[in-house]
Amino acid sequence: MTRWTWVDEEQLLEQLDLVRLSLPEAFHEADAIVRQKEELFLQAEQYAQEVVENAERRAAQILNEMGILRQAEIEAQQMRQQVQQECEAAEAQTIAEMERLRRQAQQELEEMQRLAIAECEEIQAGADEYADRVLQEMERQLSEMMRVVRNGRQQLQPEAPALRSRETTSRETASNSPSARSSTSKSDRAKS
């Protein structure tokens, strides 16, 4: 077999003209398809860009919300700690104030007891002094009355006036002496 083929030249030229005439339309269709394809790619790219931007904005918003939430949690924890510390400080201060008031009340009570005892002792000493004065005055009055009674008896009994007169004088002297008065008042106080 040979490699040569006989071709009708005129028919070949007609076919080439037909291809040449139909090629510009195919090129135009291919060009339109390519442009349409590029437009679709551009739209898809823009849409993808919008989706990415929306996703980034939403992610930033979520992160921001999470940050706000985390910040709120931190602030709430700090407030809880601060309130707890303030409560503990107030409790300690109240306990200290109660202890101070208790000590102050105890001191005031002890001072009142001391003053009451001192006042009682002063009243007792005053009462003893007054009683001693009253008893001393009563003793003086009784001595005077005894003297009057003796004198009256002496006048009623005329016998042995000189003897009785000496007895009366010695008794009056003895009862009016300071040692007799102090021993009498001491013995009277001991009886009471």
Protein backbone atom coordinates (compact mmCIF):
# COMPACT_ATOMS: atom_id res chain seq x y z
CA MET A 1 0.00 0.00 0.00
CA THR A 2 1.23 3.44 -0.71
CA ARG A 3 1.04 6.43 1.46
CA TRP A 4 -0.32 8.59 -1.12
CA THR A 5 -4.00 9.36 -1.43
CA TRP A 6 -5.64 11.04 -4.26
CA VAL A 7 -7.93 13.87 -3.21
CA ASP A 8 -10.21 15.87 -5.33
CA GLU A 9 -8.78 19.31 -5.10
CA GLU A 10 -11.96 21.13 -5.78
CA GLN A 11 -13.86 19.23 -3.18
CA LEU A 12 -11.06 19.85 -0.67
CA LEU A 13 -11.17 23.57 -1.31
CA GLU A 14 -14.91 23.63 -0.82
CA GLN A 15 -14.55 21.86 2.50
CA LEU A 16 -11.85 24.28 3.60
CA ASP A 17 -14.04 27.22 2.68
CA LEU A 18 -16.89 25.69 4.65
CA VAL A 19 -14.63 25.21 7.72
CA ARG A 20 -13.23 28.70 7.28
CA LEU A 21 -16.75 30.21 7.18
CA SER A 22 -18.05 28.21 10.15
CA LEU A 23 -14.97 28.80 12.35
CA PRO A 24 -15.65 32.44 13.25
CA GLU A 25 -19.08 31.51 14.59
CA ALA A 26 -17.60 28.65 16.63
CA PHE A 27 -14.90 31.00 17.88
CA HIS A 28 -17.58 33.46 18.87
CA GLU A 29 -19.55 30.74 20.67
CA ALA A 30 -16.41 29.50 22.39
CA ASP A 31 -15.49 33.04 23.33
CA ALA A 32 -19.02 33.61 24.72
CA ILE A 33 -18.76 30.36 26.70
CA VAL A 34 -15.36 31.39 28.07
CA ARG A 35 -16.70 34.83 29.01
CA GLN A 36 -19.75 33.25 30.64
CA LYS A 37 -17.49 30.83 32.47
CA GLU A 38 -15.28 33.68 33.69
CA GLU A 39 -18.34 35.63 34.78
CA LEU A 40 -19.62 32.62 36.70
CA PHE A 41 -16.17 32.21 38.32
CA LEU A 42 -16.18 35.90 39.26
CA GLN A 43 -19.68 35.64 40.75
CA ALA A 44 -18.70 32.48 42.62
CA GLU A 45 -15.54 34.20 43.87
CA GLN A 46 -17.52 37.24 45.01
CA TYR A 47 -20.07 35.00 46.71
CA ALA A 48 -17.28 33.02 48.38
CA GLN A 49 -15.65 36.29 49.48
CA GLU A 50 -18.97 37.47 50.96
CA VAL A 51 -19.43 34.12 52.73
CA VAL A 52 -15.87 34.35 54.13
CA GLU A 53 -16.38 37.97 55.23
CA ASN A 54 -19.73 37.11 56.85
CA ALA A 55 -18.14 34.12 58.57
CA GLU A 56 -15.25 36.27 59.79
CA ARG A 57 -17.65 38.94 61.06
CA ARG A 58 -19.77 36.32 62.83
CA ALA A 59 -16.66 34.70 64.27
CA ALA A 60 -15.44 38.09 65.50
CA GLN A 61 -18.88 38.77 66.98
CA ILE A 62 -18.91 35.38 68.69
CA LEU A 63 -15.39 35.94 69.97
CA ASN A 64 -16.40 39.39 71.15
CA GLU A 65 -19.49 37.97 72.87
CA MET A 66 -17.36 35.23 74.39
CA GLY A 67 -14.88 37.87 75.52
CA ILE A 68 -17.70 39.92 77.04
CA LEU A 69 -19.06 36.80 78.69
CA ARG A 70 -15.63 35.87 80.00
CA GLN A 71 -15.08 39.44 81.19
CA ALA A 72 -18.48 39.36 82.91
CA GLU A 73 -17.56 36.06 84.60
CA ILE A 74 -14.23 37.52 85.76
CA GLU A 75 -15.94 40.65 87.08
CA ALA A 76 -18.62 38.54 88.82
CA GLN A 77 -15.91 36.42 90.45
CA GLN A 78 -14.05 39.55 91.55
CA MET A 79 -17.28 41.01 92.96
CA ARG A 80 -17.98 37.76 94.83
CA GLN A 81 -14.49 37.81 96.30
CA GLN A 82 -14.81 41.49 97.22
CA VAL A 83 -18.21 40.96 98.87
CA GLN A 84 -16.85 37.94 100.75
CA GLN A 85 -13.84 39.94 101.94
CA GLU A 86 -16.08 42.83 102.98
CA CYS A 87 -18.38 40.43 104.85
CA GLU A 88 -15.42 38.82 106.61
CA ALA A 89 -14.02 42.25 107.49
CA ALA A 90 -17.43 43.42 108.77
CA GLU A 91 -17.78 40.22 110.81
CA ALA A 92 -14.31 40.65 112.32
CA GLN A 93 -15.04 44.31 113.03
CA THR A 94 -18.38 43.43 114.67
CA ILE A 95 -16.74 40.76 116.82
CA ALA A 96 -13.99 43.19 117.83
CA GLU A 97 -16.57 45.88 118.64
CA MET A 98 -18.63 43.40 120.68
CA GLU A 99 -15.50 42.35 122.58
CA ARG A 100 -14.58 46.00 123.19
CA LEU A 101 -18.10 46.76 124.46
CA ARG A 102 -18.00 43.67 126.68
CA ARG A 103 -14.67 44.75 128.18
CA GLN A 104 -15.96 48.30 128.63
CA ALA A 105 -19.15 47.02 130.32
CA GLN A 106 -17.05 44.77 132.56
CA GLN A 107 -14.83 47.71 133.54
CA GLU A 108 -17.86 49.92 134.18
CA LEU A 109 -19.44 47.18 136.31
CA GLU A 110 -16.24 46.77 138.31
CA GLU A 111 -16.03 50.56 138.76
CA MET A 112 -19.67 50.67 139.90
CA GLN A 113 -19.01 47.84 142.36
CA ARG A 114 -15.93 49.64 143.70
CA LEU A 115 -17.86 52.90 144.07
CA ALA A 116 -20.81 51.09 145.68
CA ILE A 117 -18.48 49.36 148.17
CA ALA A 118 -16.70 52.63 148.92
CA GLU A 119 -20.06 54.39 149.38
CA CYS A 120 -21.30 51.57 151.62
CA GLU A 121 -18.14 51.77 153.69
CA GLU A 122 -18.52 55.56 153.91
CA ILE A 123 -22.18 55.20 154.92
CA GLN A 124 -21.25 52.52 157.46
CA ALA A 125 -18.51 54.73 158.92
CA GLY A 126 -20.94 57.67 159.05
CA ALA A 127 -23.59 55.48 160.68
CA ASP A 128 -21.07 54.21 163.25
CA GLU A 129 -19.96 57.76 164.01
CA TYR A 130 -23.57 58.93 164.31
CA ALA A 131 -24.50 55.97 166.52
CA ASP A 132 -21.47 56.66 168.70
CA ARG A 133 -22.50 60.33 169.07
CA VAL A 134 -26.10 59.38 169.88
CA LEU A 135 -25.00 56.78 172.39
CA GLN A 136 -22.54 59.22 173.91
CA GLU A 137 -25.31 61.81 174.22
CA MET A 138 -27.65 59.20 175.70
CA GLU A 139 -24.92 58.17 178.12
CA ARG A 140 -24.47 61.82 179.14
CA GLN A 141 -28.22 62.27 179.55
CA LEU A 142 -28.53 59.01 181.51
CA SER A 143 -25.65 60.06 183.75
CA GLU A 144 -27.40 63.37 184.32
CA MET A 145 -30.66 61.55 185.04
CA MET A 146 -28.86 59.17 187.44
CA ARG A 147 -27.42 62.17 189.25
CA VAL A 148 -30.89 63.71 189.48
CA VAL A 149 -32.34 60.40 190.72
CA ARG A 150 -29.61 60.02 193.35
CA ASN A 151 -30.07 63.56 194.52
CA GLY A 152 -33.81 62.93 194.75
CA ARG A 153 -33.27 59.77 196.75
CA GLN A 154 -30.83 61.47 199.00
CA GLN A 155 -33.36 64.14 199.78
CA LEU A 156 -35.96 61.45 200.48
CA GLN A 157 -33.62 59.55 202.87
CA PRO A 158 -32.05 61.87 205.42
CA GLU A 159 -29.95 59.22 207.14
CA ALA A 160 -26.26 59.08 206.49
CA PRO A 161 -26.16 61.96 204.10
CA ALA A 162 -22.45 62.41 204.24
CA LEU A 163 -21.75 58.79 203.27
CA ARG A 164 -24.16 58.80 200.38
CA SER A 165 -22.93 62.12 199.20
CA ARG A 166 -19.41 60.76 198.88
CA GLU A 167 -20.60 57.64 197.06
CA THR A 168 -22.57 59.74 194.61
CA THR A 169 -19.69 62.05 193.95
CA SER A 170 -17.26 59.17 193.35
CA ARG A 171 -19.73 57.48 190.97
CA GLU A 172 -20.33 60.68 189.05
CA THR A 173 -16.62 61.25 188.74
CA ALA A 174 -16.05 57.71 187.54
CA SER A 175 -18.90 57.81 185.03
CA ASN A 176 -17.90 61.22 183.66
CA SER A 177 -14.24 60.32 183.15
CA PRO A 178 -13.12 59.81 179.47
CA SER A 179 -11.94 56.23 180.04
CA ALA A 180 -15.27 55.25 181.54
CA ARG A 181 -17.18 56.85 178.67
CA SER A 182 -15.07 55.14 175.97
CA SER A 183 -15.30 51.73 177.67
CA THR A 184 -19.06 52.16 178.04
CA SER A 185 -19.52 53.13 174.39
CA LYS A 186 -17.27 50.25 173.26
CA SER A 187 -19.20 47.74 175.35
CA ASP A 188 -22.50 49.18 174.05
CA ARG A 189 -21.27 48.83 170.45
CA ALA A 190 -20.13 45.28 171.12
CA LYS A 191 -23.59 44.44 172.42
CA SER A 192 -25.23 45.86 169.35
